[in-house]
Amino acid sequence: MRAASLGVQLFVWLTAGLGGLSGAALAAGPSPAAQVDPSFTTRLAEARRAAAALPERGLAQLRALRAGPLVQGRLAARLVVDEAECRVLSDIDALLAISVADAGLALVTGGVNQSEHAPWLRLRACRAGMLLSEGRRQEGLTELEAVLEAQAGATDASAVALARLERGLYRSRQGDLDAGQKDLLEACAALKPLGNVRDLNLCLGHLANHYKRVGDTDEALRLLMPLRDAARHDGADFDDAVYTFGMAQVLQRQSRWDEALVAYRETSQAHERLQDRIGQGYSEHGIAQVLLKQGQPALALRHVERALALVDRPSDPGQYELIVVLQAELLQALGRPQAALACLDEVEGAVRQRQSLPAMADWMRVRAQTMRALGHWREAYDALTEARDLEARLQAQQLSEQSARWRMQFNRARDAEELSNLRRLYEQGQQLRRMQALALGLGVLLLAGLVVLALRKVRQARLLQAQASTDELTGLPNRRAVMAYVAQELQRARRPGGAMSLLLVDVDFFKRVNDTHGHPVGDAVLRHMARMLGEDLRERDRVGRIGGEEFVVVLPGAGLRDAQQVAERMRKRIAASPLQLDALSVPFTISIGVAQAMPTGTVEGLVEQADGALYRAKGSGRNRVMLCGAMAEH
């Protein structure tokens, strides 16, 4: 479930008997040294089966085994037990999993012998996966590469395959879908002939997660269903809940909302019975996602709050960030954009540092929605553009011919022989080389189509933004847009040496124009006036219509007297330029109120001052300019 998947290790408790459940990667089986005593093998298997049903019970048995005589003084057995505990802890407490691995690895002071080498590498692979889940990217990747290069013999094959599995999982979660899928397929192909069902099932579970990410939900469901059924057959309640959660995610991807909601609620109740707060938190997050899609943001917010009470930042930072982003989206949907922005700001640094394309795209999308709701159009546009770019990069990988070819090679087989068939297909290098030119051409065509689609979406976004901020009659910025610009320039005017003035313009006797000539002529007068007001203005000046026959002119950097001169030119130009409609001439005049921004003033106060000056201009006979507080007539 970690990072909206089944888990950093698919809850990695995929080990309970032949079904390969609960800690699949636990099951590299003891090394030769550990297998000398059958009692050790028996007790280790019992602990793994216990973890499949209830992780805390399995952990207790593993810790008792480590402290007992079967492990004391035997490094290989100790490393096997430590890896098992690391895997069980992987979604309960990643930091504790790292601590357990560190304690075991610290015992290796002078190198390892042949019997100890494989469990040593497997423990390092588990630790590396946990480092990646905690955001320690460079450290985790370096450790994985070291494991991949350290294979000394055939007994190390499972450890190397698990390291490749960890790397593929990380790449897939980060949005590097092609490289991630290649690693996962190679890991599964390497594990198949080794005969370890539990390791193989772990790989299948992660592969199902990957297929969800690339949109192949049918294949993901096909892989998850037998894993879930085997868990139920073996009474592995915890694994049952894990796989049911994965199926709920697939149903959600397929927009089967009611079925997904039932499955999420089932897993939430199961994890509550198992006293697994992390698993319950993931399920509550899934419930909230579905409720949002069903148009119930208020109810969804309650489930998000439950998820935040269950999943804290230290124990699962990646999932915590996803929940907070969903919380922001719900707050914005409920008309609370300021609270939504606070949530986004809280996790921005962590999301950017994690460098996960899906998480970053989601964060940018919600930020664009929030900024739009706040009237911050520039910021909204920038966030939307970046979100579209991230989504386009993800879609490009999902549609790539290379990814499709690998997926096709693995998906066509429907039984246990599919991995062997995959290996044979991979050995057909000559055929793949012949297809390379064709694949490259198709990939270019797909990417070109994706670019066209992305550009079309950008144009649509720009059009929607323009429509939301433009007055339909005059083509000028509407009240919301021009007032946002006033607020922006007012902030600049507060700087040392800054200034800004505001003109409030009103058509004199506009009702008389409508009554005499009709509303179409009145509309033409307003359009004519909008064009006249915009003449001779500077690049930073703005004209907007705020309602009826009332307009606003924003003059950044202008003092009161400069603004008075601009207003006077506008008044004279309009008085001398009646509207000409065929044989009809419609003269009209305007009155203007002028106000200058004060260092401590507000947008509302500035508009109120200009409105007061306009009122005095109207009361003094109209067709004139009045200054705020000056009572001067021009």
Foldseek 3Di string as FASTA:
>chain_A
DFLLFLALLVLLLQAAPLLLGYNLLLPLAFFPVLPPDVVLRVLLNVLSNVCLAFVVSSLVSLVVSCPDPSNPPPLRSLLSSLLSNLSNCRQQFLVVSLVSLVVSLVVQDPHDDPRNVQSNLQSLLSNLSSCLQLLVPVVSVVSLVVSLPPDDDPSNQLSNLSSLLSVLLSCLQQLVLLSSLVSLLVSLLSVLVVPRSNSNLSSLSSNLRSCVLLPVLVLSCLSLVSSLVVSVVSNSLNRVLSSLLNNLSSCVSVVVLVVSLVSLVVSLVSCVVSVRLSSNLSSLLSNLVSCVVVVNLVVSLVSLVSSCVRDDCNRRVSVNLVSLLSNLLSCLVVVNLVVSVVSLVVCVVVQVSSNRLVSLLSSLQSQLSSCVSVLVNVSNLVSPLVSLVSVLSSNLSSPQLSSVVLCVLQRPDNDSCSSVSSVVVVVVVVVVVVCVVVSVVVSVVVSVVSVVVSVVVSVVVVVVSLVVQADPLQRFGEQSNVLVLVQVLLVVQLPVLWKKKKKKKAWPPLVVVCVVPNVVVSSVLLNVLSVLLPPPADPSWGKYAYDDRIIMIIGTRDDQVRVQVSVLVSQVVLQVDFDDDPPDTHGTGMEMFMEMRDSPDDSVVNVVQRVVQSVLCVVVPGSWYGYRPPSDTD
